[in-house]
Structure formats: C-alpha cells, structure tokens
C-alpha cells in the first residue's frame, strides 16, 4: 500500500467543469487505510476530502469545498497512482459532482 501521509499535491490538468487548478494545494494525511486532506487555492476557499486507500494505492474518496462564489460543492473521486521516474506520485483522478450539474471529469495531480 502506498502511504500518502505528509505528501503535498498540485493539479497539473483538469477538465473545464472542475474547480481545481495549478493554484490549488492539497495536503494529504493517512492513518492505516484512511486518507484525509485539506485543500485550498485558486477558485477554492477551503476544502476537505476523506477516502480509503486500497493495497495498490488506489483511492476512493468523497470531497466538499466552498468555492469563490460561496457555493458548497460536493463530489466523489477515484484516483489511480502512477510512480514517476523521480519517485514522486502522480494521481489520475476520475471524479463527479454530487452537487451542481452532477457532471463528470478527469484530473491529474502530482506530488510536490
């Protein structure tokens, strides 16, 4: 199992219906297989996520945040890790809003 505890991530790619950007900063914490994170930056004032990490390092998570329009946004995401040549982690994310237009998207975030 990959341990994400103490790792920080920034998005490098997102679909247009997403709200994260290169200005968004994630701080991950993990105890056992339970992952949590706080995030903010760009269009996002403050957000949190909680998820479960499986033996291959895949993450099944739920998230919520307050955006710059003062809307509470919620969603779910499945992330698949890729280990880069430099040993850092890239996460390929497949997500969907459970609020708003309930659309789906893809993003990629990389360990800083």
Protein backbone atom coordinates (compact mmCIF):
# COMPACT_ATOMS: atom_id res chain seq x y z
CA UNK A 1 0.00 0.00 0.00
CA UNK A 2 1.23 3.49 -0.83
CA UNK A 3 1.34 5.75 2.20
CA UNK A 4 0.27 9.28 1.31
CA UNK A 5 0.85 10.69 4.79
CA UNK A 6 2.52 14.11 4.73
CA UNK A 7 2.58 14.35 0.94
CA UNK A 8 1.51 17.51 -0.90
CA UNK A 9 -0.03 17.67 -4.37
CA UNK A 10 -0.94 20.24 -7.03
CA UNK A 11 -3.14 19.73 -10.09
CA UNK A 12 -1.41 19.73 -13.48
CA UNK A 13 -4.54 19.03 -15.57
CA UNK A 14 -8.31 19.26 -15.11
CA UNK A 15 -11.39 19.25 -17.30
CA UNK A 16 -13.20 22.59 -17.73
CA UNK A 17 -16.06 21.67 -15.37
CA UNK A 18 -13.61 21.17 -12.47
CA UNK A 19 -12.68 23.83 -9.93
CA UNK A 20 -9.09 22.87 -9.04
CA UNK A 21 -6.16 24.48 -10.83
CA UNK A 22 -2.38 24.78 -10.50
CA UNK A 23 -3.12 27.27 -7.70
CA UNK A 24 -4.86 24.58 -5.61
CA UNK A 25 -2.71 22.90 -2.94
CA UNK A 26 -3.56 19.58 -1.27
CA UNK A 27 -2.00 18.33 2.00
CA UNK A 28 -2.60 14.58 2.48
CA UNK A 29 -2.67 12.70 5.79
CA UNK A 30 -3.09 8.95 6.16
CA UNK A 31 -3.60 6.64 9.15
CA UNK A 32 -3.91 2.99 8.19
CA UNK A 33 -6.01 2.94 5.04
CA UNK A 34 -7.92 6.15 5.89
CA UNK A 35 -6.86 9.22 3.91
CA UNK A 36 -7.81 12.82 4.68
CA UNK A 37 -6.80 16.10 3.09
CA UNK A 38 -7.32 19.82 3.34
CA UNK A 39 -7.10 21.86 0.16
CA UNK A 40 -7.45 25.46 -0.99
CA UNK A 41 -6.29 27.87 -3.65
CA UNK A 42 -7.49 29.25 -6.95
CA UNK A 43 -11.30 29.05 -7.13
CA UNK A 44 -11.45 27.11 -3.83
CA UNK A 45 -11.58 28.92 -0.48
CA UNK A 46 -11.43 25.77 1.67
CA UNK A 47 -11.98 22.08 1.11
CA UNK A 48 -11.67 18.66 2.69
CA UNK A 49 -11.62 15.12 1.42
CA UNK A 50 -11.82 11.71 3.05
CA UNK A 51 -11.11 8.40 1.42
CA UNK A 52 -9.94 4.82 1.62
CA UNK A 53 -6.67 3.59 0.14
CA UNK A 54 -6.50 0.02 -1.19
CA UNK A 55 -3.45 -2.27 -1.34
CA UNK A 56 -2.48 -0.93 -4.80
CA UNK A 57 -2.65 2.69 -3.63
CA UNK A 58 -5.95 3.45 -5.37
CA UNK A 59 -8.09 5.98 -3.50
CA UNK A 60 -11.89 6.04 -3.26
CA UNK A 61 -12.78 9.45 -1.84
CA UNK A 62 -15.51 11.98 -1.19
CA UNK A 63 -14.86 15.71 -1.14
CA UNK A 64 -16.52 19.00 -0.29
CA UNK A 65 -15.40 22.60 -0.56
CA UNK A 66 -16.51 26.20 -0.59
CA UNK A 67 -15.69 27.92 -3.88
CA UNK A 68 -15.08 31.60 -4.66
CA UNK A 69 -18.83 32.03 -5.35
CA UNK A 70 -19.56 30.91 -1.75
CA UNK A 71 -21.17 27.69 -3.00
CA UNK A 72 -20.74 24.42 -1.14
CA UNK A 73 -19.69 21.83 -3.73
CA UNK A 74 -19.56 18.06 -3.13
CA UNK A 75 -18.38 15.09 -5.12
CA UNK A 76 -16.74 11.70 -5.32
CA UNK A 77 -13.48 10.66 -6.93
CA UNK A 78 -11.45 7.55 -7.71
CA UNK A 79 -7.70 8.08 -8.02
CA UNK A 80 -5.14 5.72 -9.52
CA UNK A 81 -1.45 6.25 -8.67
CA UNK A 82 1.47 6.31 -11.08
CA UNK A 83 5.01 6.36 -9.68
CA UNK A 84 7.19 8.73 -11.71
CA UNK A 85 10.87 8.17 -12.53
CA UNK A 86 11.85 10.59 -9.76
CA UNK A 87 9.86 8.52 -7.22
CA UNK A 88 7.08 11.09 -6.85
CA UNK A 89 3.41 10.15 -7.20
CA UNK A 90 1.07 11.24 -9.99
CA UNK A 91 -2.64 10.60 -9.36
CA UNK A 92 -5.03 10.06 -12.27
CA UNK A 93 -8.44 11.10 -10.99
CA UNK A 94 -11.91 10.30 -12.28
CA UNK A 95 -14.49 12.39 -10.45
CA UNK A 96 -18.10 13.51 -10.47
CA UNK A 97 -20.02 16.26 -8.77
CA UNK A 98 -22.78 15.18 -6.40
CA UNK A 99 -23.95 18.81 -6.30
CA UNK A 100 -24.46 21.41 -9.01
CA UNK A 101 -24.76 19.97 -12.52
CA UNK A 102 -23.59 16.49 -11.41
CA UNK A 103 -21.17 16.33 -14.35
CA UNK A 104 -18.05 14.16 -14.53
CA UNK A 105 -14.44 14.94 -15.24
CA UNK A 106 -10.81 13.87 -15.14
CA UNK A 107 -7.83 15.47 -13.49
CA UNK A 108 -4.19 14.74 -12.78
CA UNK A 109 -2.40 15.89 -9.64
CA UNK A 110 1.31 15.47 -8.86
CA UNK A 111 3.27 15.24 -5.66
CA UNK A 112 5.29 18.38 -4.94
